[in-house]
Amino acid sequence: MNAYIHDAVRTPRARARPDGGLAALKPHELIGGLIDAIETRGHDARGAEALIVGCVGQVGAQGANVALVSKLHAGLPDETAAWSINNYCVSGLTAIGQAADMVQTGRARSVLAGGVEMMSRVPFMGDRADYYADASFPARTRYLPVAVAADRLAEDAGVSRAEMDQAALVSQSRTVDAEGGPLVASRIALNGLNSDECARPTTLEKLGKLPAAFAEMAAPYADALEGRAIDHRHTVAHAPPMADGAGLTLVSSETEAPGRASWPMWRSAAIRPPP
C-alpha cells in the first residue's frame, strides 16, 4: 500500500526571542493552528487516526508529550493516538517517516505528522540531560555540541572555510528568493505573522569577514575531544538561526483528497513502498 502526502503546511519561521512573531504562542498552539489550516484547505485533518510530533526539547512548554497536548488543544477525537519523538534535528522528518510506515503497513488510514520547536521557550540543550556531561562514557561516544562536531568533521573531511561560505550564500539566497515563490503556498499565518523572520540576505564578502564562532563552546569538551585542537571554521552564518516554528503533513493511503492533489511518498528517495 502506498502512502500519499495530501497536504503539507508550516508556520513562518520566527525569531526565537521575546519580541519574535510567534513567541506569544505556545508549541501546541502552533500545531493546533496547522491542523486548523489543513482543515480549511479542504482535508479531513481531524479524521486522522494518529498525530506524531517530532520535538527535541521535550521539557517545559514542550514537555508532557507535546503531541498529546496538541491533540487536546486542537480537539482531536479521543481515539486519535498521539505521541512525540526525539531524533534530534531530523525529528519532524522521522515523524513523517513513521506516518508513512503506519499507512504503508495498513495500521492507519491517515496520520498527521510533523514537528515543532520553540527556542524562545526551550533553548538549545534545554533538557539538561546528564549525558551531556557524563564522563563515564568512552571519549569517542561522549556528547559534543553540534557546532563543535561540525568543526571537527569539516577539518577531517577537508571542507574549507571558503567552501562553507559559498554553501551558506547559496542557502541564504534561496531563502530570500523563496519569498513570494511557490514555497510560500505552504506557509500559514499565525499570530499576525505572515513572513519568515529568519531570512538573512548576505554577500560572500560579508560572510568572509565573520569570525569562527564556536571555539569557546569546545573548551568544556576537551576530554571528549581527547586533547585535540580543532581548526574552528564555522561561523554563525553557517548555523541555522534560533527560531520558533512548526510544520505538519497529512499522510494517507487514499489517492484522492478533496480540493487538492496528493503526492506519492515513494517518489522521495527517503521513503520507498514495501516490496
C-alpha atoms as a PDB file:
ATOM      1  CA  MET A   1       0.000   0.000   0.000  1.00  0.00           C
ATOM      2  CA  ASN A   2       1.328   3.432  -0.926  1.00  0.00           C
ATOM      3  CA  ALA A   3       1.372   6.469   1.339  1.00  0.00           C
ATOM      4  CA  TYR A   4       0.436   9.861  -0.062  1.00  0.00           C
ATOM      5  CA  ILE A   5       1.027  13.370   1.240  1.00  0.00           C
ATOM      6  CA  HIS A   6      -2.310  15.156   0.939  1.00  0.00           C
ATOM      7  CA  ASP A   7      -1.080  18.444   2.327  1.00  0.00           C
ATOM      8  CA  ALA A   8       1.987  19.961   3.988  1.00  0.00           C
ATOM      9  CA  VAL A   9       1.853  23.230   5.890  1.00  0.00           C
ATOM     10  CA  ARG A  10       4.174  25.206   8.113  1.00  0.00           C
ATOM     11  CA  THR A  11       4.250  28.292  10.261  1.00  0.00           C
ATOM     12  CA  PRO A  12       6.549  31.158   9.369  1.00  0.00           C
ATOM     13  CA  ARG A  13       9.992  30.817  10.932  1.00  0.00           C
ATOM     14  CA  ALA A  14      10.056  33.403  13.681  1.00  0.00           C
ATOM     15  CA  ARG A  15      12.955  34.772  15.682  1.00  0.00           C
ATOM     16  CA  ALA A  16      13.357  32.931  18.965  1.00  0.00           C
ATOM     17  CA  ARG A  17      13.297  35.939  21.236  1.00  0.00           C
ATOM     18  CA  PRO A  18      10.643  37.681  23.336  1.00  0.00           C
ATOM     19  CA  ASP A  19       9.647  40.026  20.513  1.00  0.00           C
ATOM     20  CA  GLY A  20       9.617  37.261  17.887  1.00  0.00           C
ATOM     21  CA  GLY A  21       6.470  36.913  15.835  1.00  0.00           C
ATOM     22  CA  LEU A  22       5.379  33.612  17.417  1.00  0.00           C
ATOM     23  CA  ALA A  23       6.855  33.945  20.911  1.00  0.00           C
ATOM     24  CA  ALA A  24       3.490  34.846  22.443  1.00  0.00           C
ATOM     25  CA  LEU A  25       2.084  31.461  21.403  1.00  0.00           C
ATOM     26  CA  LYS A  26       2.765  28.015  22.851  1.00  0.00           C
ATOM     27  CA  PRO A  27       4.041  24.985  20.929  1.00  0.00           C
ATOM     28  CA  HIS A  28       0.690  23.211  20.969  1.00  0.00           C
ATOM     29  CA  GLU A  29      -0.920  26.366  19.587  1.00  0.00           C
ATOM     30  CA  LEU A  30       1.395  26.222  16.580  1.00  0.00           C
ATOM     31  CA  ILE A  31       0.418  22.612  15.911  1.00  0.00           C
ATOM     32  CA  GLY A  32      -3.243  23.389  16.500  1.00  0.00           C
ATOM     33  CA  GLY A  33      -3.095  26.273  14.048  1.00  0.00           C
ATOM     34  CA  LEU A  34      -1.662  23.985  11.389  1.00  0.00           C
ATOM     35  CA  ILE A  35      -4.354  21.368  11.987  1.00  0.00           C
ATOM     36  CA  ASP A  36      -6.983  24.087  11.528  1.00  0.00           C
ATOM     37  CA  ALA A  37      -5.241  25.207   8.325  1.00  0.00           C
ATOM     38  CA  ILE A  38      -5.260  21.703   6.838  1.00  0.00           C
ATOM     39  CA  GLU A  39      -8.996  21.526   7.551  1.00  0.00           C
ATOM     40  CA  THR A  40      -9.535  24.944   5.972  1.00  0.00           C
ATOM     41  CA  ARG A  41      -7.658  23.806   2.869  1.00  0.00           C
ATOM     42  CA  GLY A  42     -10.211  21.043   2.326  1.00  0.00           C
ATOM     43  CA  HIS A  43      -8.857  17.991   4.129  1.00  0.00           C
ATOM     44  CA  ASP A  44     -10.199  15.918   6.981  1.00  0.00           C
ATOM     45  CA  ALA A  45      -7.327  16.526   9.393  1.00  0.00           C
ATOM     46  CA  ARG A  46      -9.443  15.677  12.438  1.00  0.00           C
ATOM     47  CA  GLY A  47     -10.250  12.319  10.898  1.00  0.00           C
ATOM     48  CA  ALA A  48      -6.604  11.236  11.172  1.00  0.00           C
ATOM     49  CA  GLU A  49      -6.038   8.213  13.366  1.00  0.00           C
ATOM     50  CA  ALA A  50      -2.754   9.460  14.848  1.00  0.00           C
ATOM     51  CA  LEU A  51      -0.742  12.616  15.474  1.00  0.00           C
ATOM     52  CA  ILE A  52       3.035  12.200  15.592  1.00  0.00           C
ATOM     53  CA  VAL A  53       5.145  15.219  16.538  1.00  0.00           C
ATOM     54  CA  GLY A  54       8.923  15.430  16.430  1.00  0.00           C
ATOM     55  CA  CYS A  55      10.467  17.673  19.075  1.00  0.00           C
ATOM     56  CA  VAL A  56      13.968  17.865  20.560  1.00  0.00           C
ATOM     57  CA  GLY A  57      13.406  19.999  23.659  1.00  0.00           C
ATOM     58  CA  GLN A  58      10.737  17.944  25.365  1.00  0.00           C
ATOM     59  CA  VAL A  59      10.726  19.896  28.630  1.00  0.00           C
ATOM     60  CA  GLY A  60       8.817  22.901  29.953  1.00  0.00           C
ATOM     61  CA  ALA A  61       6.429  24.236  27.324  1.00  0.00           C
ATOM     62  CA  GLN A  62       7.265  21.270  25.098  1.00  0.00           C
ATOM     63  CA  GLY A  63       7.022  18.614  27.799  1.00  0.00           C
ATOM     64  CA  ALA A  64       4.196  16.297  28.865  1.00  0.00           C
ATOM     65  CA  ASN A  65       4.065  14.691  25.397  1.00  0.00           C
ATOM     66  CA  VAL A  66       3.648  17.787  23.212  1.00  0.00           C
ATOM     67  CA  ALA A  67       1.752  15.721  20.626  1.00  0.00           C
ATOM     68  CA  LEU A  68      -0.848  14.748  23.226  1.00  0.00           C
ATOM     69  CA  VAL A  69      -1.126  18.335  24.466  1.00  0.00           C
ATOM     70  CA  SER A  70      -1.574  19.456  20.845  1.00  0.00           C
ATOM     71  CA  LYS A  71      -4.243  16.826  20.315  1.00  0.00           C
ATOM     72  CA  LEU A  72      -6.187  18.048  23.334  1.00  0.00           C
ATOM     73  CA  HIS A  73      -5.796  21.688  22.338  1.00  0.00           C
ATOM     74  CA  ALA A  74      -6.914  21.032  18.749  1.00  0.00           C
ATOM     75  CA  GLY A  75      -9.930  18.999  19.810  1.00  0.00           C
ATOM     76  CA  LEU A  76      -8.932  15.828  18.002  1.00  0.00           C
ATOM     77  CA  PRO A  77     -11.095  12.790  18.807  1.00  0.00           C
ATOM     78  CA  ASP A  78     -10.320  10.761  21.925  1.00  0.00           C
ATOM     79  CA  GLU A  79      -9.500   7.796  19.684  1.00  0.00           C
ATOM     80  CA  THR A  80      -6.676   9.659  17.951  1.00  0.00           C
ATOM     81  CA  ALA A  81      -3.318   8.255  19.047  1.00  0.00           C
ATOM     82  CA  ALA A  82      -0.705  10.895  19.877  1.00  0.00           C
ATOM     83  CA  TRP A  83       2.981  10.589  20.637  1.00  0.00           C
ATOM     84  CA  SER A  84       6.158  12.647  20.475  1.00  0.00           C
ATOM     85  CA  ILE A  85       9.566  11.527  19.229  1.00  0.00           C
ATOM     86  CA  ASN A  86      13.057  12.963  19.602  1.00  0.00           C
ATOM     87  CA  ASN A  87      15.545  12.220  16.854  1.00  0.00           C
ATOM     88  CA  TYR A  88      17.408  15.490  17.246  1.00  0.00           C
ATOM     89  CA  CYS A  89      17.467  17.675  14.124  1.00  0.00           C
ATOM     90  CA  VAL A  90      15.518  15.213  11.962  1.00  0.00           C
ATOM     91  CA  SER A  91      12.702  14.658  14.470  1.00  0.00           C
ATOM     92  CA  GLY A  92       9.991  16.103  12.207  1.00  0.00           C
ATOM     93  CA  LEU A  93      11.127  14.109   9.179  1.00  0.00           C
ATOM     94  CA  THR A  94      11.313  10.983  11.308  1.00  0.00           C
ATOM     95  CA  ALA A  95       7.722  11.587  12.417  1.00  0.00           C
ATOM     96  CA  ILE A  96       6.645  11.765   8.770  1.00  0.00           C
ATOM     97  CA  GLY A  97       8.536   8.542   8.064  1.00  0.00           C
ATOM     98  CA  GLN A  98       6.706   6.888  10.958  1.00  0.00           C
ATOM     99  CA  ALA A  99       3.414   8.093   9.490  1.00  0.00           C
ATOM    100  CA  ALA A 100       4.309   6.613   6.114  1.00  0.00           C
ATOM    101  CA  ASP A 101       5.186   3.291   7.757  1.00  0.00           C
ATOM    102  CA  MET A 102       1.829   3.202   9.542  1.00  0.00           C
ATOM    103  CA  VAL A 103      -0.059   3.874   6.324  1.00  0.00           C
ATOM    104  CA  GLN A 104       2.006   1.542   4.149  1.00  0.00           C
ATOM    105  CA  THR A 105       1.600  -1.346   6.578  1.00  0.00           C
ATOM    106  CA  GLY A 106      -2.132  -0.783   6.973  1.00  0.00           C
ATOM    107  CA  ARG A 107      -2.011   0.245  10.635  1.00  0.00           C
ATOM    108  CA  ALA A 108      -3.695   3.557   9.861  1.00  0.00           C
ATOM    109  CA  ARG A 109      -5.621   5.129   7.018  1.00  0.00           C
ATOM    110  CA  SER A 110      -4.404   8.679   7.666  1.00  0.00           C
ATOM    111  CA  VAL A 111      -1.883  10.257  10.030  1.00  0.00           C
ATOM    112  CA  LEU A 112      -0.877  13.802  10.922  1.00  0.00           C
ATOM    113  CA  ALA A 113       2.891  14.105  11.323  1.00  0.00           C
ATOM    114  CA  GLY A 114       5.454  16.866  11.621  1.00  0.00           C
ATOM    115  CA  GLY A 115       7.494  18.752  14.171  1.00  0.00           C
ATOM    116  CA  VAL A 116       7.671  21.771  16.434  1.00  0.00           C
ATOM    117  CA  GLU A 117      10.432  23.674  18.168  1.00  0.00           C
ATOM    118  CA  MET A 118      10.091  26.961  20.045  1.00  0.00           C
ATOM    119  CA  MET A 119      13.571  28.011  21.042  1.00  0.00           C
ATOM    120  CA  SER A 120      12.200  31.160  22.642  1.00  0.00           C
ATOM    121  CA  ARG A 121      10.675  28.842  25.274  1.00  0.00           C
ATOM    122  CA  VAL A 122      13.043  25.856  25.315  1.00  0.00           C
ATOM    123  CA  PRO A 123      16.630  26.813  24.438  1.00  0.00           C
ATOM    124  CA  PHE A 124      19.273  24.579  22.902  1.00  0.00           C
ATOM    125  CA  MET A 125      20.177  21.737  25.320  1.00  0.00           C
ATOM    126  CA  GLY A 126      17.265  22.900  27.471  1.00  0.00           C
ATOM    127  CA  ASP A 127      16.607  19.370  28.698  1.00  0.00           C
ATOM    128  CA  ARG A 128      19.938  19.451  30.604  1.00  0.00           C
ATOM    129  CA  ALA A 129      20.461  15.745  30.048  1.00  0.00           C
ATOM    130  CA  ASP A 130      23.054  14.046  32.269  1.00  0.00           C
ATOM    131  CA  TYR A 131      24.610  12.587  29.126  1.00  0.00           C
ATOM    132  CA  TYR A 132      25.875  15.997  28.008  1.00  0.00           C
ATOM    133  CA  ALA A 133      28.497  15.940  30.778  1.00  0.00           C
ATOM    134  CA  ASP A 134      28.743  12.221  31.607  1.00  0.00           C
ATOM    135  CA  ALA A 135      32.450  11.337  31.776  1.00  0.00           C
ATOM    136  CA  SER A 136      31.722   7.638  32.310  1.00  0.00           C
ATOM    137  CA  PHE A 137      31.324   7.152  28.550  1.00  0.00           C
ATOM    138  CA  PRO A 138      34.424   6.416  26.452  1.00  0.00           C
ATOM    139  CA  ALA A 139      35.733   9.610  24.851  1.00  0.00           C
ATOM    140  CA  ARG A 140      34.608   8.637  21.356  1.00  0.00           C
ATOM    141  CA  THR A 141      30.988   8.257  22.499  1.00  0.00           C
ATOM    142  CA  ARG A 142      30.713  11.342  24.693  1.00  0.00           C
ATOM    143  CA  TYR A 143      28.457  14.208  23.769  1.00  0.00           C
ATOM    144  CA  LEU A 144      29.754  17.068  21.635  1.00  0.00           C
ATOM    145  CA  PRO A 145      27.684  20.141  20.763  1.00  0.00           C
ATOM    146  CA  VAL A 146      26.615  20.023  17.138  1.00  0.00           C
ATOM    147  CA  ALA A 147      28.685  23.071  16.154  1.00  0.00           C
ATOM    148  CA  VAL A 148      31.844  21.604  17.678  1.00  0.00           C
ATOM    149  CA  ALA A 149      31.239  18.263  15.989  1.00  0.00           C
ATOM    150  CA  ALA A 150      30.699  20.116  12.703  1.00  0.00           C
ATOM    151  CA  ASP A 151      34.027  21.914  13.066  1.00  0.00           C
ATOM    152  CA  ARG A 152      35.768  18.606  13.704  1.00  0.00           C
ATOM    153  CA  LEU A 153      34.029  16.983  10.743  1.00  0.00           C
ATOM    154  CA  ALA A 154      34.898  19.880   8.423  1.00  0.00           C
ATOM    155  CA  GLU A 155      38.555  19.520   9.381  1.00  0.00           C
ATOM    156  CA  ASP A 156      38.500  15.735   8.921  1.00  0.00           C
ATOM    157  CA  ALA A 157      36.733  15.972   5.550  1.00  0.00           C
ATOM    158  CA  GLY A 158      38.870  18.852   4.315  1.00  0.00           C
ATOM    159  CA  VAL A 159      35.961  21.251   3.828  1.00  0.00           C
ATOM    160  CA  SER A 160      37.437  24.729   3.634  1.00  0.00           C
ATOM    161  CA  ARG A 161      36.033  27.925   5.104  1.00  0.00           C
ATOM    162  CA  ALA A 162      35.591  29.279   1.561  1.00  0.00           C
ATOM    163  CA  GLU A 163      33.503  26.253   0.582  1.00  0.00           C
ATOM    164  CA  MET A 164      31.314  26.686   3.656  1.00  0.00           C
ATOM    165  CA  ASP A 165      30.830  30.377   2.906  1.00  0.00           C
ATOM    166  CA  GLN A 166      29.769  29.544  -0.640  1.00  0.00           C
ATOM    167  CA  ALA A 167      27.267  26.944   0.568  1.00  0.00           C
ATOM    168  CA  ALA A 168      25.878  29.396   3.129  1.00  0.00           C
ATOM    169  CA  LEU A 169      25.460  32.051   0.444  1.00  0.00           C
ATOM    170  CA  VAL A 170      23.514  29.670  -1.794  1.00  0.00           C
ATOM    171  CA  SER A 171      21.286  28.535   1.075  1.00  0.00           C
ATOM    172  CA  GLN A 172      20.540  32.012   2.375  1.00  0.00           C
ATOM    173  CA  SER A 173      19.996  33.428  -1.106  1.00  0.00           C
ATOM    174  CA  ARG A 174      17.481  30.703  -1.841  1.00  0.00           C
ATOM    175  CA  THR A 175      15.658  31.520   1.385  1.00  0.00           C
ATOM    176  CA  VAL A 176      15.368  35.160   0.381  1.00  0.00           C
ATOM    177  CA  ASP A 177      14.352  34.281  -3.193  1.00  0.00           C
ATOM    178  CA  ALA A 178      11.651  31.891  -1.954  1.00  0.00           C
ATOM    179  CA  GLU A 179       9.655  34.797  -0.533  1.00  0.00           C
ATOM    180  CA  GLY A 180       6.740  35.202  -2.912  1.00  0.00           C
ATOM    181  CA  GLY A 181       7.592  31.935  -4.684  1.00  0.00           C
ATOM    182  CA  PRO A 182       5.886  28.529  -4.694  1.00  0.00           C
ATOM    183  CA  LEU A 183       7.174  27.539  -1.248  1.00  0.00           C
ATOM    184  CA  VAL A 184       5.037  30.272   0.304  1.00  0.00           C
ATOM    185  CA  ALA A 185       1.921  28.255  -0.583  1.00  0.00           C
ATOM    186  CA  SER A 186       2.596  26.024   2.420  1.00  0.00           C
ATOM    187  CA  ARG A 187       3.130  28.876   4.882  1.00  0.00           C
ATOM    188  CA  ILE A 188       0.283  29.573   7.296  1.00  0.00           C
ATOM    189  CA  ALA A 189      -0.001  32.937   9.013  1.00  0.00           C
ATOM    190  CA  LEU A 190      -0.206  32.742  12.802  1.00  0.00           C
ATOM    191  CA  ASN A 191      -0.385  35.497  15.410  1.00  0.00           C
ATOM    192  CA  GLY A 192      -0.417  38.056  12.611  1.00  0.00           C
ATOM    193  CA  LEU A 193       2.933  36.833  11.258  1.00  0.00           C
ATOM    194  CA  ASN A 194       2.887  36.034   7.543  1.00  0.00           C
ATOM    195  CA  SER A 195       6.572  36.215   6.648  1.00  0.00           C
ATOM    196  CA  ASP A 196       9.762  34.434   7.641  1.00  0.00           C
ATOM    197  CA  GLU A 197      11.750  36.481  10.139  1.00  0.00           C
ATOM    198  CA  CYS A 198      14.890  34.367   9.875  1.00  0.00           C
ATOM    199  CA  ALA A 199      15.915  35.089   6.283  1.00  0.00           C
ATOM    200  CA  ARG A 200      19.425  36.551   6.267  1.00  0.00           C
ATOM    201  CA  PRO A 201      20.336  38.271   2.981  1.00  0.00           C
ATOM    202  CA  THR A 202      24.091  38.495   2.687  1.00  0.00           C
ATOM    203  CA  THR A 203      27.074  38.566   0.345  1.00  0.00           C
ATOM    204  CA  LEU A 204      30.202  36.484   0.037  1.00  0.00           C
ATOM    205  CA  GLU A 205      32.224  39.465   1.227  1.00  0.00           C
ATOM    206  CA  LYS A 206      30.157  39.798   4.421  1.00  0.00           C
ATOM    207  CA  LEU A 207      30.390  36.066   5.074  1.00  0.00           C
ATOM    208  CA  GLY A 208      34.157  36.147   4.719  1.00  0.00           C
ATOM    209  CA  LYS A 209      34.503  38.789   7.433  1.00  0.00           C
ATOM    210  CA  LEU A 210      32.700  36.773  10.114  1.00  0.00           C
ATOM    211  CA  PRO A 211      34.908  35.116  12.752  1.00  0.00           C
ATOM    212  CA  ALA A 212      34.744  31.429  13.661  1.00  0.00           C
ATOM    213  CA  ALA A 213      32.161  31.261  16.410  1.00  0.00           C
ATOM    214  CA  PHE A 214      32.415  28.030  18.367  1.00  0.00           C
ATOM    215  CA  ALA A 215      35.914  27.709  19.837  1.00  0.00           C
ATOM    216  CA  GLU A 216      34.749  28.725  23.320  1.00  0.00           C
ATOM    217  CA  MET A 217      31.962  26.171  23.145  1.00  0.00           C
ATOM    218  CA  ALA A 218      34.560  23.419  22.645  1.00  0.00           C
ATOM    219  CA  ALA A 219      36.534  24.191  25.808  1.00  0.00           C
ATOM    220  CA  PRO A 220      34.341  22.226  28.268  1.00  0.00           C
ATOM    221  CA  TYR A 221      34.549  19.175  25.981  1.00  0.00           C
ATOM    222  CA  ALA A 222      38.333  18.859  25.880  1.00  0.00           C
ATOM    223  CA  ASP A 223      38.203  15.335  27.331  1.00  0.00           C
ATOM    224  CA  ALA A 224      35.667  14.196  24.729  1.00  0.00           C
ATOM    225  CA  LEU A 225      37.950  15.638  22.059  1.00  0.00           C
ATOM    226  CA  GLU A 226      40.861  13.701  23.618  1.00  0.00           C
ATOM    227  CA  GLY A 227      43.001  16.814  23.713  1.00  0.00           C
ATOM    228  CA  ARG A 228      42.640  17.518  20.035  1.00  0.00           C
ATOM    229  CA  ALA A 229      42.960  21.144  18.971  1.00  0.00           C
ATOM    230  CA  ILE A 230      40.390  21.866  16.261  1.00  0.00           C
ATOM    231  CA  ASP A 231      40.700  24.405  13.479  1.00  0.00           C
ATOM    232  CA  HIS A 232      37.340  26.040  14.119  1.00  0.00           C
ATOM    233  CA  ARG A 233      35.774  27.174  10.845  1.00  0.00           C
ATOM    234  CA  HIS A 234      32.028  27.547  11.265  1.00  0.00           C
ATOM    235  CA  THR A 235      30.557  31.000  11.829  1.00  0.00           C
ATOM    236  CA  VAL A 236      27.064  31.991  12.903  1.00  0.00           C
ATOM    237  CA  ALA A 237      26.209  32.309   9.193  1.00  0.00           C
ATOM    238  CA  HIS A 238      26.831  28.593   8.698  1.00  0.00           C
ATOM    239  CA  ALA A 239      24.489  27.672  11.545  1.00  0.00           C
ATOM    240  CA  PRO A 240      20.695  27.714  11.497  1.00  0.00           C
ATOM    241  CA  PRO A 241      19.062  30.669  13.244  1.00  0.00           C
ATOM    242  CA  MET A 242      17.456  30.269  16.631  1.00  0.00           C
ATOM    243  CA  ALA A 243      13.825  30.019  15.595  1.00  0.00           C
ATOM    244  CA  ASP A 244      10.252  29.247  16.570  1.00  0.00           C
ATOM    245  CA  GLY A 245       8.204  27.214  14.140  1.00  0.00           C
ATOM    246  CA  ALA A 246       6.286  24.081  13.275  1.00  0.00           C
ATOM    247  CA  GLY A 247       5.367  22.018  10.239  1.00  0.00           C
ATOM    248  CA  LEU A 248       2.690  19.378   9.677  1.00  0.00           C
ATOM    249  CA  THR A 249       1.705  16.936   6.943  1.00  0.00           C
ATOM    250  CA  LEU A 250      -1.380  14.818   6.365  1.00  0.00           C
ATOM    251  CA  VAL A 251      -0.326  11.367   5.144  1.00  0.00           C
ATOM    252  CA  SER A 252      -2.951   8.950   3.887  1.00  0.00           C
ATOM    253  CA  SER A 253      -3.461   5.768   1.895  1.00  0.00           C
ATOM    254  CA  GLU A 254      -6.120   7.458  -0.229  1.00  0.00           C
ATOM    255  CA  THR A 255      -5.056   8.542  -3.723  1.00  0.00           C
ATOM    256  CA  GLU A 256      -7.594  11.360  -3.847  1.00  0.00           C
ATOM    257  CA  ALA A 257      -8.364  14.060  -1.325  1.00  0.00           C
ATOM    258  CA  PRO A 258     -10.969  16.812  -1.587  1.00  0.00           C
ATOM    259  CA  GLY A 259      -9.740  20.055  -3.081  1.00  0.00           C
ATOM    260  CA  ARG A 260      -6.066  19.239  -3.510  1.00  0.00           C
ATOM    261  CA  ALA A 261      -3.664  16.944  -5.329  1.00  0.00           C
ATOM    262  CA  SER A 262      -1.676  14.297  -3.485  1.00  0.00           C
ATOM    263  CA  TRP A 263       1.951  13.275  -3.864  1.00  0.00           C
ATOM    264  CA  PRO A 264       3.097   9.631  -3.577  1.00  0.00           C
ATOM    265  CA  MET A 265       5.713   9.445  -0.845  1.00  0.00           C
ATOM    266  CA  TRP A 266       7.679   6.778  -2.653  1.00  0.00           C
ATOM    267  CA  ARG A 267       8.863   9.465  -5.065  1.00  0.00           C
ATOM    268  CA  SER A 268      11.128  10.633  -2.265  1.00  0.00           C
ATOM    269  CA  ALA A 269      14.488   8.886  -2.059  1.00  0.00           C
ATOM    270  CA  ALA A 270      13.970   8.587   1.685  1.00  0.00           C
ATOM    271  CA  ILE A 271      10.647   6.702   1.581  1.00  0.00           C
ATOM    272  CA  ARG A 272      10.032   3.685  -0.592  1.00  0.00           C
ATOM    273  CA  PRO A 273       6.989   1.404  -0.844  1.00  0.00           C
ATOM    274  CA  PRO A 274       7.266  -2.006   0.809  1.00  0.00           C
ATOM    275  CA  PRO A 275       8.491  -4.767  -1.543  1.00  0.00           C
END
